[in-house]
PDB file of all heavy atoms in Angstrom:
ATOM      1  N   PHE A   1     -48.727  23.368 -53.785  1.00  0.00           N
ATOM      2  CA  PHE A   1     -49.443  22.568 -54.758  1.00  0.00           C
ATOM      3  C   PHE A   1     -48.953  22.792 -56.211  1.00  0.00           C
ATOM      4  O   PHE A   1     -48.534  24.008 -56.468  1.00  0.00           O
ATOM      5  CB  PHE A   1     -50.883  22.849 -54.618  1.00  0.00           C
ATOM      6  CG  PHE A   1     -51.548  22.412 -53.442  1.00  0.00           C
ATOM      7  CD1 PHE A   1     -51.565  23.247 -52.266  1.00  0.00           C
ATOM      8  CD2 PHE A   1     -51.961  21.110 -53.141  1.00  0.00           C
ATOM      9  CE1 PHE A   1     -52.239  22.803 -51.048  1.00  0.00           C
ATOM     10  CE2 PHE A   1     -52.591  20.757 -51.998  1.00  0.00           C
ATOM     11  CZ  PHE A   1     -52.655  21.593 -50.960  1.00  0.00           C
ATOM     12  N   LEU A   2     -49.000  21.867 -57.026  1.00  0.00           N
ATOM     13  CA  LEU A   2     -48.828  22.004 -58.384  1.00  0.00           C
ATOM     14  C   LEU A   2     -50.156  21.551 -59.112  1.00  0.00           C
ATOM     15  O   LEU A   2     -50.822  20.699 -58.621  1.00  0.00           O
ATOM     16  CB  LEU A   2     -47.637  21.041 -58.987  1.00  0.00           C
ATOM     17  CG  LEU A   2     -46.244  21.409 -58.550  1.00  0.00           C
ATOM     18  CD1 LEU A   2     -45.328  20.242 -58.865  1.00  0.00           C
ATOM     19  CD2 LEU A   2     -45.804  22.645 -59.337  1.00  0.00           C
ATOM     20  N   THR A   3     -50.409  22.165 -60.205  1.00  0.00           N
ATOM     21  CA  THR A   3     -51.670  21.879 -60.920  1.00  0.00           C
ATOM     22  C   THR A   3     -51.390  20.856 -62.080  1.00  0.00           C
ATOM     23  O   THR A   3     -50.382  20.999 -62.834  1.00  0.00           O
ATOM     24  CB  THR A   3     -52.274  23.156 -61.570  1.00  0.00           C
ATOM     25  OG1 THR A   3     -52.347  24.203 -60.601  1.00  0.00           O
ATOM     26  CG2 THR A   3     -53.627  22.871 -62.152  1.00  0.00           C
ATOM     27  N   HIS A   4     -52.147  19.747 -62.084  1.00  0.00           N
ATOM     28  CA  HIS A   4     -52.002  18.661 -63.001  1.00  0.00           C
ATOM     29  C   HIS A   4     -53.056  18.805 -64.079  1.00  0.00           C
ATOM     30  O   HIS A   4     -54.321  18.753 -63.751  1.00  0.00           O
ATOM     31  CB  HIS A   4     -52.104  17.306 -62.358  1.00  0.00           C
ATOM     32  CG  HIS A   4     -50.972  17.063 -61.416  1.00  0.00           C
ATOM     33  ND1 HIS A   4     -50.206  15.834 -61.446  1.00  0.00           N
ATOM     34  CD2 HIS A   4     -50.367  17.834 -60.385  1.00  0.00           C
ATOM     35  CE1 HIS A   4     -49.268  15.970 -60.515  1.00  0.00           C
ATOM     36  NE2 HIS A   4     -49.383  17.095 -59.864  1.00  0.00           N
ATOM     37  N   PHE A   5     -52.743  18.933 -65.329  1.00  0.00           N
ATOM     38  CA  PHE A   5     -53.669  19.034 -66.469  1.00  0.00           C
ATOM     39  C   PHE A   5     -53.728  17.756 -67.222  1.00  0.00           C
ATOM     40  O   PHE A   5     -52.633  17.311 -67.807  1.00  0.00           O
ATOM     41  CB  PHE A   5     -53.375  20.232 -67.417  1.00  0.00           C
ATOM     42  CG  PHE A   5     -53.435  21.549 -66.650  1.00  0.00           C
ATOM     43  CD1 PHE A   5     -52.382  22.065 -65.836  1.00  0.00           C
ATOM     44  CD2 PHE A   5     -54.548  22.359 -66.757  1.00  0.00           C
ATOM     45  CE1 PHE A   5     -52.428  23.284 -65.286  1.00  0.00           C
ATOM     46  CE2 PHE A   5     -54.667  23.571 -66.110  1.00  0.00           C
ATOM     47  CZ  PHE A   5     -53.669  24.064 -65.363  1.00  0.00           C
ATOM     48  N   THR A   6     -54.854  17.092 -67.414  1.00  0.00           N
ATOM     49  CA  THR A   6     -54.921  15.780 -68.122  1.00  0.00           C
ATOM     50  C   THR A   6     -55.991  15.931 -69.109  1.00  0.00           C
ATOM     51  O   THR A   6     -57.017  16.431 -68.926  1.00  0.00           O
ATOM     52  CB  THR A   6     -55.271  14.746 -67.147  1.00  0.00           C
ATOM     53  OG1 THR A   6     -54.375  14.706 -65.995  1.00  0.00           O
ATOM     54  CG2 THR A   6     -55.286  13.335 -67.726  1.00  0.00           C
ATOM     55  N   ASN A   7     -55.627  15.229 -70.278  1.00  0.00           N
ATOM     56  CA  ASN A   7     -56.605  15.136 -71.446  1.00  0.00           C
ATOM     57  C   ASN A   7     -57.392  13.875 -71.229  1.00  0.00           C
ATOM     58  O   ASN A   7     -56.807  12.740 -71.312  1.00  0.00           O
ATOM     59  CB  ASN A   7     -55.804  15.132 -72.794  1.00  0.00           C
ATOM     60  CG  ASN A   7     -56.765  14.984 -73.951  1.00  0.00           C
ATOM     61  OD1 ASN A   7     -57.980  15.206 -73.872  1.00  0.00           O
ATOM     62  ND2 ASN A   7     -56.263  14.542 -75.048  1.00  0.00           N
ATOM     63  N   ASN A   8     -58.694  13.985 -71.225  1.00  0.00           N
ATOM     64  CA  ASN A   8     -59.541  12.806 -71.044  1.00  0.00           C
ATOM     65  C   ASN A   8     -60.391  12.556 -72.323  1.00  0.00           C
ATOM     66  O   ASN A   8     -61.200  11.628 -72.404  1.00  0.00           O
ATOM     67  CB  ASN A   8     -60.634  13.039 -69.933  1.00  0.00           C
ATOM     68  CG  ASN A   8     -59.866  13.180 -68.613  1.00  0.00           C
ATOM     69  OD1 ASN A   8     -59.234  12.255 -68.156  1.00  0.00           O
ATOM     70  ND2 ASN A   8     -60.022  14.338 -67.976  1.00  0.00           N
ATOM     71  N   ASN A   9     -60.004  13.152 -73.408  1.00  0.00           N
ATOM     72  CA  ASN A   9     -60.716  12.945 -74.746  1.00  0.00           C
ATOM     73  C   ASN A   9     -59.838  12.051 -75.623  1.00  0.00           C
ATOM     74  O   ASN A   9     -58.564  12.151 -75.605  1.00  0.00           O
ATOM     75  CB  ASN A   9     -60.835  14.297 -75.462  1.00  0.00           C
ATOM     76  CG  ASN A   9     -61.829  14.220 -76.594  1.00  0.00           C
ATOM     77  OD1 ASN A   9     -61.467  13.701 -77.665  1.00  0.00           O
ATOM     78  ND2 ASN A   9     -62.981  14.788 -76.433  1.00  0.00           N
ATOM     79  N   PRO A  10     -60.449  11.178 -76.537  1.00  0.00           N
ATOM     80  CA  PRO A  10     -59.681  10.328 -77.342  1.00  0.00           C
ATOM     81  C   PRO A  10     -58.847  11.059 -78.353  1.00  0.00           C
ATOM     82  O   PRO A  10     -57.801  10.669 -78.900  1.00  0.00           O
ATOM     83  CB  PRO A  10     -60.714   9.440 -78.081  1.00  0.00           C
ATOM     84  CG  PRO A  10     -61.958   9.469 -77.189  1.00  0.00           C
ATOM     85  CD  PRO A  10     -61.887  10.860 -76.497  1.00  0.00           C
ATOM     86  N   ASN A  11     -59.299  12.377 -78.669  1.00  0.00           N
ATOM     87  CA  ASN A  11     -58.528  13.254 -79.474  1.00  0.00           C
ATOM     88  C   ASN A  11     -57.555  14.166 -78.873  1.00  0.00           C
ATOM     89  O   ASN A  11     -57.613  14.230 -77.632  1.00  0.00           O
ATOM     90  CB  ASN A  11     -59.493  14.121 -80.371  1.00  0.00           C
ATOM     91  CG  ASN A  11     -60.481  13.267 -81.160  1.00  0.00           C
ATOM     92  OD1 ASN A  11     -60.149  12.349 -81.899  1.00  0.00           O
ATOM     93  ND2 ASN A  11     -61.847  13.664 -81.123  1.00  0.00           N
ATOM     94  N   LYS A  12     -56.562  14.571 -79.580  1.00  0.00           N
ATOM     95  CA  LYS A  12     -55.596  15.517 -78.922  1.00  0.00           C
ATOM     96  C   LYS A  12     -56.287  16.805 -78.467  1.00  0.00           C
ATOM     97  O   LYS A  12     -57.188  17.365 -79.103  1.00  0.00           O
ATOM     98  CB  LYS A  12     -54.482  15.845 -80.015  1.00  0.00           C
ATOM     99  CG  LYS A  12     -53.664  14.693 -80.503  1.00  0.00           C
ATOM    100  CD  LYS A  12     -52.635  15.150 -81.516  1.00  0.00           C
ATOM    101  CE  LYS A  12     -51.944  13.945 -82.060  1.00  0.00           C
ATOM    102  NZ  LYS A  12     -50.973  13.342 -80.987  1.00  0.00           N
ATOM    103  N   ARG A  13     -55.740  17.387 -77.388  1.00  0.00           N
ATOM    104  CA  ARG A  13     -56.335  18.550 -76.801  1.00  0.00           C
ATOM    105  C   ARG A  13     -55.136  19.417 -76.389  1.00  0.00           C
ATOM    106  O   ARG A  13     -54.079  18.924 -76.079  1.00  0.00           O
ATOM    107  CB  ARG A  13     -57.247  18.293 -75.600  1.00  0.00           C
ATOM    108  CG  ARG A  13     -58.652  17.716 -76.085  1.00  0.00           C
ATOM    109  CD  ARG A  13     -59.401  18.746 -76.748  1.00  0.00           C
ATOM    110  NE  ARG A  13     -60.751  18.227 -77.146  1.00  0.00           N
ATOM    111  CZ  ARG A  13     -61.071  17.658 -78.328  1.00  0.00           C
ATOM    112  NH1 ARG A  13     -60.140  17.599 -79.296  1.00  0.00           N
ATOM    113  NH2 ARG A  13     -62.261  17.288 -78.630  1.00  0.00           N
ATOM    114  N   ARG A  14     -55.309  20.718 -76.266  1.00  0.00           N
ATOM    115  CA  ARG A  14     -54.198  21.631 -75.991  1.00  0.00           C
ATOM    116  C   ARG A  14     -54.526  22.545 -74.733  1.00  0.00           C
ATOM    117  O   ARG A  14     -55.632  22.844 -74.528  1.00  0.00           O
ATOM    118  CB  ARG A  14     -54.024  22.515 -77.230  1.00  0.00           C
ATOM    119  CG  ARG A  14     -53.412  21.815 -78.415  1.00  0.00           C
ATOM    120  CD  ARG A  14     -52.992  22.724 -79.532  1.00  0.00           C
ATOM    121  NE  ARG A  14     -52.102  22.083 -80.467  1.00  0.00           N
ATOM    122  CZ  ARG A  14     -50.991  22.582 -81.044  1.00  0.00           C
ATOM    123  NH1 ARG A  14     -50.686  23.908 -80.729  1.00  0.00           N
ATOM    124  NH2 ARG A  14     -50.382  22.047 -81.876  1.00  0.00           N
ATOM    125  N   VAL A  15     -53.499  22.759 -74.085  1.00  0.00           N
ATOM    126  CA  VAL A  15     -53.457  23.749 -72.966  1.00  0.00           C
ATOM    127  C   VAL A  15     -52.260  24.611 -72.989  1.00  0.00           C
ATOM    128  O   VAL A  15     -51.203  24.223 -73.398  1.00  0.00           O
ATOM    129  CB  VAL A  15     -53.524  22.949 -71.610  1.00  0.00           C
ATOM    130  CG1 VAL A  15     -52.272  21.981 -71.444  1.00  0.00           C
ATOM    131  CG2 VAL A  15     -53.548  23.942 -70.410  1.00  0.00           C
ATOM    132  N   ALA A  16     -52.483  25.898 -72.624  1.00  0.00           N
ATOM    133  CA  ALA A  16     -51.450  26.888 -72.866  1.00  0.00           C
ATOM    134  C   ALA A  16     -51.014  27.553 -71.479  1.00  0.00           C
ATOM    135  O   ALA A  16     -51.805  27.777 -70.546  1.00  0.00           O
ATOM    136  CB  ALA A  16     -51.879  27.994 -73.806  1.00  0.00           C
ATOM    137  N   PHE A  17     -49.681  27.907 -71.472  1.00  0.00           N
ATOM    138  CA  PHE A  17     -49.140  28.479 -70.211  1.00  0.00           C
ATOM    139  C   PHE A  17     -48.235  29.664 -70.566  1.00  0.00           C
ATOM    140  O   PHE A  17     -47.655  29.689 -71.661  1.00  0.00           O
ATOM    141  CB  PHE A  17     -48.322  27.458 -69.493  1.00  0.00           C
ATOM    142  CG  PHE A  17     -48.953  26.190 -69.093  1.00  0.00           C
ATOM    143  CD1 PHE A  17     -48.970  25.098 -70.111  1.00  0.00           C
ATOM    144  CD2 PHE A  17     -49.731  26.084 -67.990  1.00  0.00           C
ATOM    145  CE1 PHE A  17     -49.558  23.905 -69.742  1.00  0.00           C
ATOM    146  CE2 PHE A  17     -50.430  24.907 -67.722  1.00  0.00           C
ATOM    147  CZ  PHE A  17     -50.352  23.818 -68.607  1.00  0.00           C
ATOM    148  N   ALA A  18     -48.194  30.685 -69.702  1.00  0.00           N
ATOM    149  CA  ALA A  18     -47.368  31.865 -69.830  1.00  0.00           C
ATOM    150  C   ALA A  18     -46.886  32.314 -68.575  1.00  0.00           C
ATOM    151  O   ALA A  18     -47.595  32.178 -67.517  1.00  0.00           O
ATOM    152  CB  ALA A  18     -48.140  32.957 -70.625  1.00  0.00           C
ATOM    153  N   ALA A  19     -45.700  32.944 -68.584  1.00  0.00           N
ATOM    154  CA  ALA A  19     -45.175  33.535 -67.315  1.00  0.00           C
ATOM    155  C   ALA A  19     -45.780  34.884 -67.021  1.00  0.00           C
ATOM    156  O   ALA A  19     -46.362  35.557 -67.905  1.00  0.00           O
ATOM    157  CB  ALA A  19     -43.637  33.720 -67.487  1.00  0.00           C
ATOM    158  N   PRO A  20     -45.620  35.355 -65.783  1.00  0.00           N
ATOM    159  CA  PRO A  20     -46.314  36.613 -65.401  1.00  0.00           C
ATOM    160  C   PRO A  20     -45.557  37.877 -65.769  1.00  0.00           C
ATOM    161  O   PRO A  20     -46.115  38.905 -65.473  1.00  0.00           O
ATOM    162  CB  PRO A  20     -46.484  36.482 -63.917  1.00  0.00           C
ATOM    163  CG  PRO A  20     -45.275  35.651 -63.456  1.00  0.00           C
ATOM    164  CD  PRO A  20     -45.099  34.676 -64.629  1.00  0.00           C
ATOM    165  N   TYR A  21     -44.482  37.780 -66.457  1.00  0.00           N
ATOM    166  CA  TYR A  21     -43.781  38.957 -66.870  1.00  0.00           C
ATOM    167  C   TYR A  21     -43.079  38.757 -68.169  1.00  0.00           C
ATOM    168  O   TYR A  21     -42.885  37.638 -68.570  1.00  0.00           O
ATOM    169  CB  TYR A  21     -42.801  39.402 -65.816  1.00  0.00           C
ATOM    170  CG  TYR A  21     -41.689  38.458 -65.397  1.00  0.00           C
ATOM    171  CD1 TYR A  21     -40.492  38.446 -66.022  1.00  0.00           C
ATOM    172  CD2 TYR A  21     -41.937  37.524 -64.459  1.00  0.00           C
ATOM    173  CE1 TYR A  21     -39.503  37.562 -65.779  1.00  0.00           C
ATOM    174  CE2 TYR A  21     -40.966  36.616 -64.031  1.00  0.00           C
ATOM    175  CZ  TYR A  21     -39.657  36.659 -64.734  1.00  0.00           C
ATOM    176  OH  TYR A  21     -38.704  35.749 -64.384  1.00  0.00           O
ATOM    177  N   PRO A  22     -42.699  39.884 -68.921  1.00  0.00           N
ATOM    178  CA  PRO A  22     -42.137  39.650 -70.193  1.00  0.00           C
ATOM    179  C   PRO A  22     -40.847  38.870 -70.321  1.00  0.00           C
ATOM    180  O   PRO A  22     -40.017  38.960 -69.412  1.00  0.00           O
ATOM    181  CB  PRO A  22     -41.878  41.130 -70.801  1.00  0.00           C
ATOM    182  CG  PRO A  22     -42.827  41.894 -69.980  1.00  0.00           C
ATOM    183  CD  PRO A  22     -42.938  41.221 -68.558  1.00  0.00           C
ATOM    184  N   GLY A  23     -40.637  38.093 -71.304  1.00  0.00           N
ATOM    185  CA  GLY A  23     -39.484  37.383 -71.508  1.00  0.00           C
ATOM    186  C   GLY A  23     -39.680  36.218 -72.474  1.00  0.00           C
ATOM    187  O   GLY A  23     -40.592  36.219 -73.320  1.00  0.00           O
ATOM    188  N   HIS A  24     -38.876  35.094 -72.349  1.00  0.00           N
ATOM    189  CA  HIS A  24     -38.913  34.003 -73.321  1.00  0.00           C
ATOM    190  C   HIS A  24     -38.954  32.665 -72.609  1.00  0.00           C
ATOM    191  O   HIS A  24     -38.544  32.561 -71.398  1.00  0.00           O
ATOM    192  CB  HIS A  24     -37.626  33.953 -74.165  1.00  0.00           C
ATOM    193  CG  HIS A  24     -37.502  35.114 -75.165  1.00  0.00           C
ATOM    194  ND1 HIS A  24     -37.255  36.454 -74.794  1.00  0.00           N
ATOM    195  CD2 HIS A  24     -37.737  35.145 -76.509  1.00  0.00           C
ATOM    196  CE1 HIS A  24     -37.217  37.169 -75.951  1.00  0.00           C
ATOM    197  NE2 HIS A  24     -37.544  36.487 -76.888  1.00  0.00           N
ATOM    198  N   ILE A  25     -39.647  31.759 -73.302  1.00  0.00           N
ATOM    199  CA  ILE A  25     -39.812  30.419 -72.637  1.00  0.00           C
ATOM    200  C   ILE A  25     -38.872  29.501 -73.326  1.00  0.00           C
ATOM    201  O   ILE A  25     -38.689  29.439 -74.540  1.00  0.00           O
ATOM    202  CB  ILE A  25     -41.260  29.976 -72.957  1.00  0.00           C
ATOM    203  CG1 ILE A  25     -42.275  30.789 -72.148  1.00  0.00           C
ATOM    204  CG2 ILE A  25     -41.401  28.482 -72.542  1.00  0.00           C
ATOM    205  CD1 ILE A  25     -43.744  30.549 -72.557  1.00  0.00           C
ATOM    206  N   LEU A  26     -38.071  28.749 -72.567  1.00  0.00           N
ATOM    207  CA  LEU A  26     -37.096  27.844 -72.985  1.00  0.00           C
ATOM    208  C   LEU A  26     -37.580  26.446 -72.929  1.00  0.00           C
ATOM    209  O   LEU A  26     -37.934  25.878 -71.871  1.00  0.00           O
ATOM    210  CB  LEU A  26     -35.845  27.871 -72.099  1.00  0.00           C
ATOM    211  CG  LEU A  26     -35.171  29.283 -71.954  1.00  0.00           C
ATOM    212  CD1 LEU A  26     -33.967  29.076 -70.991  1.00  0.00           C
ATOM    213  CD2 LEU A  26     -34.757  29.763 -73.269  1.00  0.00           C
ATOM    214  N   PRO A  27     -37.817  25.805 -74.059  1.00  0.00           N
ATOM    215  CA  PRO A  27     -38.212  24.380 -74.041  1.00  0.00           C
ATOM    216  C   PRO A  27     -36.943  23.489 -73.907  1.00  0.00           C
ATOM    217  O   PRO A  27     -36.059  23.627 -74.675  1.00  0.00           O
ATOM    218  CB  PRO A  27     -38.800  24.160 -75.463  1.00  0.00           C
ATOM    219  CG  PRO A  27     -38.228  25.174 -76.285  1.00  0.00           C
ATOM    220  CD  PRO A  27     -37.676  26.290 -75.457  1.00  0.00           C
ATOM    221  N   ILE A  28     -36.935  22.585 -72.972  1.00  0.00           N
ATOM    222  CA  ILE A  28     -35.731  21.872 -72.633  1.00  0.00           C
ATOM    223  C   ILE A  28     -36.056  20.347 -72.548  1.00  0.00           C
ATOM    224  O   ILE A  28     -36.948  20.074 -71.762  1.00  0.00           O
ATOM    225  CB  ILE A  28     -34.996  22.332 -71.432  1.00  0.00           C
ATOM    226  CG1 ILE A  28     -34.556  23.798 -71.534  1.00  0.00           C
ATOM    227  CG2 ILE A  28     -33.787  21.427 -71.033  1.00  0.00           C
ATOM    228  CD1 ILE A  28     -33.942  24.351 -70.313  1.00  0.00           C
ATOM    229  N   ASP A  29     -35.436  19.627 -73.449  1.00  0.00           N
ATOM    230  CA  ASP A  29     -35.663  18.095 -73.343  1.00  0.00           C
ATOM    231  C   ASP A  29     -34.657  17.583 -72.385  1.00  0.00           C
ATOM    232  O   ASP A  29     -33.477  17.531 -72.612  1.00  0.00           O
ATOM    233  CB  ASP A  29     -35.437  17.492 -74.848  1.00  0.00           C
ATOM    234  CG  ASP A  29     -35.795  15.978 -74.846  1.00  0.00           C
ATOM    235  OD1 ASP A  29     -35.838  15.395 -73.674  1.00  0.00           O
ATOM    236  OD2 ASP A  29     -36.042  15.460 -75.910  1.00  0.00           O
ATOM    237  N   LEU A  30     -35.142  17.223 -71.200  1.00  0.00           N
ATOM    238  CA  LEU A  30     -34.209  16.756 -70.129  1.00  0.00           C
ATOM    239  C   LEU A  30     -33.430  15.462 -70.566  1.00  0.00           C
ATOM    240  O   LEU A  30     -32.274  15.382 -70.123  1.00  0.00           O
ATOM    241  CB  LEU A  30     -35.002  16.402 -68.801  1.00  0.00           C
ATOM    242  CG  LEU A  30     -35.667  17.671 -68.207  1.00  0.00           C
ATOM    243  CD1 LEU A  30     -36.520  17.225 -66.959  1.00  0.00           C
ATOM    244  CD2 LEU A  30     -34.618  18.715 -67.783  1.00  0.00           C
ATOM    245  N   ALA A  31     -33.938  14.676 -71.444  1.00  0.00           N
ATOM    246  CA  ALA A  31     -33.282  13.510 -71.818  1.00  0.00           C
ATOM    247  C   ALA A  31     -31.992  13.882 -72.614  1.00  0.00           C
ATOM    248  O   ALA A  31     -30.957  13.099 -72.599  1.00  0.00           O
ATOM    249  CB  ALA A  31     -34.125  12.580 -72.693  1.00  0.00           C
ATOM    250  N   GLU A  32     -32.055  14.981 -73.328  1.00  0.00           N
ATOM    251  CA  GLU A  32     -30.845  15.320 -74.205  1.00  0.00           C
ATOM    252  C   GLU A  32     -29.766  16.043 -73.371  1.00  0.00           C
ATOM    253  O   GLU A  32     -28.663  16.185 -73.900  1.00  0.00           O
ATOM    254  CB  GLU A  32     -31.432  16.347 -75.325  1.00  0.00           C
ATOM    255  CG  GLU A  32     -32.276  15.683 -76.275  1.00  0.00           C
ATOM    256  CD  GLU A  32     -32.661  16.635 -77.360  1.00  0.00           C
ATOM    257  OE1 GLU A  32     -32.336  17.841 -77.323  1.00  0.00           O
ATOM    258  OE2 GLU A  32     -33.363  16.121 -78.397  1.00  0.00           O
ATOM    259  N   ILE A  33     -30.100  16.527 -72.173  1.00  0.00           N
ATOM    260  CA  ILE A  33     -28.978  17.216 -71.359  1.00  0.00           C
ATOM    261  C   ILE A  33     -28.529  16.309 -70.145  1.00  0.00           C
ATOM    262  O   ILE A  33     -27.976  16.991 -69.219  1.00  0.00           O
ATOM    263  CB  ILE A  33     -29.522  18.593 -70.845  1.00  0.00           C
ATOM    264  CG1 ILE A  33     -30.802  18.382 -69.948  1.00  0.00           C
ATOM    265  CG2 ILE A  33     -29.853  19.485 -72.040  1.00  0.00           C
ATOM    266  CD1 ILE A  33     -31.104  19.717 -69.279  1.00  0.00           C
ATOM    267  N   GLY A  34     -28.861  15.113 -70.226  1.00  0.00           N
ATOM    268  CA  GLY A  34     -28.407  14.180 -69.120  1.00  0.00           C
ATOM    269  C   GLY A  34     -29.420  13.994 -67.979  1.00  0.00           C
ATOM    270  O   GLY A  34     -29.088  13.354 -66.950  1.00  0.00           O
ATOM    271  N   GLY A  35     -30.674  14.502 -68.190  1.00  0.00           N
ATOM    272  CA  GLY A  35     -31.695  14.203 -67.243  1.00  0.00           C
ATOM    273  C   GLY A  35     -31.745  15.116 -66.017  1.00  0.00           C
ATOM    274  O   GLY A  35     -32.561  14.951 -65.120  1.00  0.00           O
ATOM    275  N   GLU A  36     -31.035  16.244 -65.999  1.00  0.00           N
ATOM    276  CA  GLU A  36     -31.007  17.108 -64.847  1.00  0.00           C
ATOM    277  C   GLU A  36     -30.730  18.548 -65.228  1.00  0.00           C
ATOM    278  O   GLU A  36     -29.824  18.801 -66.031  1.00  0.00           O
ATOM    279  CB  GLU A  36     -29.954  16.631 -63.815  1.00  0.00           C
ATOM    280  CG  GLU A  36     -29.926  17.488 -62.496  1.00  0.00           C
ATOM    281  CD  GLU A  36     -28.943  16.979 -61.447  1.00  0.00           C
ATOM    282  OE1 GLU A  36     -28.347  15.882 -61.770  1.00  0.00           O
ATOM    283  OE2 GLU A  36     -28.759  17.582 -60.401  1.00  0.00           O
ATOM    284  N   LEU A  37     -31.520  19.441 -64.602  1.00  0.00           N
ATOM    285  CA  LEU A  37     -31.289  20.840 -64.807  1.00  0.00           C
ATOM    286  C   LEU A  37     -31.575  21.578 -63.500  1.00  0.00           C
ATOM    287  O   LEU A  37     -32.534  21.361 -62.774  1.00  0.00           O
ATOM    288  CB  LEU A  37     -32.339  21.400 -65.915  1.00  0.00           C
ATOM    289  CG  LEU A  37     -32.268  22.885 -66.231  1.00  0.00           C
ATOM    290  CD1 LEU A  37     -31.071  23.120 -67.251  1.00  0.00           C
ATOM    291  CD2 LEU A  37     -33.567  23.414 -66.875  1.00  0.00           C
ATOM    292  N   THR A  38     -30.658  22.504 -63.151  1.00  0.00           N
ATOM    293  CA  THR A  38     -30.792  23.329 -62.011  1.00  0.00           C
ATOM    294  C   THR A  38     -31.038  24.778 -62.409  1.00  0.00           C
ATOM    295  O   THR A  38     -30.504  25.376 -63.334  1.00  0.00           O
ATOM    296  CB  THR A  38     -29.455  23.439 -61.215  1.00  0.00           C
ATOM    297  OG1 THR A  38     -29.113  22.019 -60.872  1.00  0.00           O
ATOM    298  CG2 THR A  38     -29.661  24.244 -59.908  1.00  0.00           C
TER     299      THR A  38
END
């Protein structure tokens, strides 16, 4: 299963995620790299 988080409020709302061990998070816009990442 994957967990789906949805905002049901007319205003903006935030949800945060983190990995289980030290490191860095890479934000990747798939549209800018051709739509595919392995």
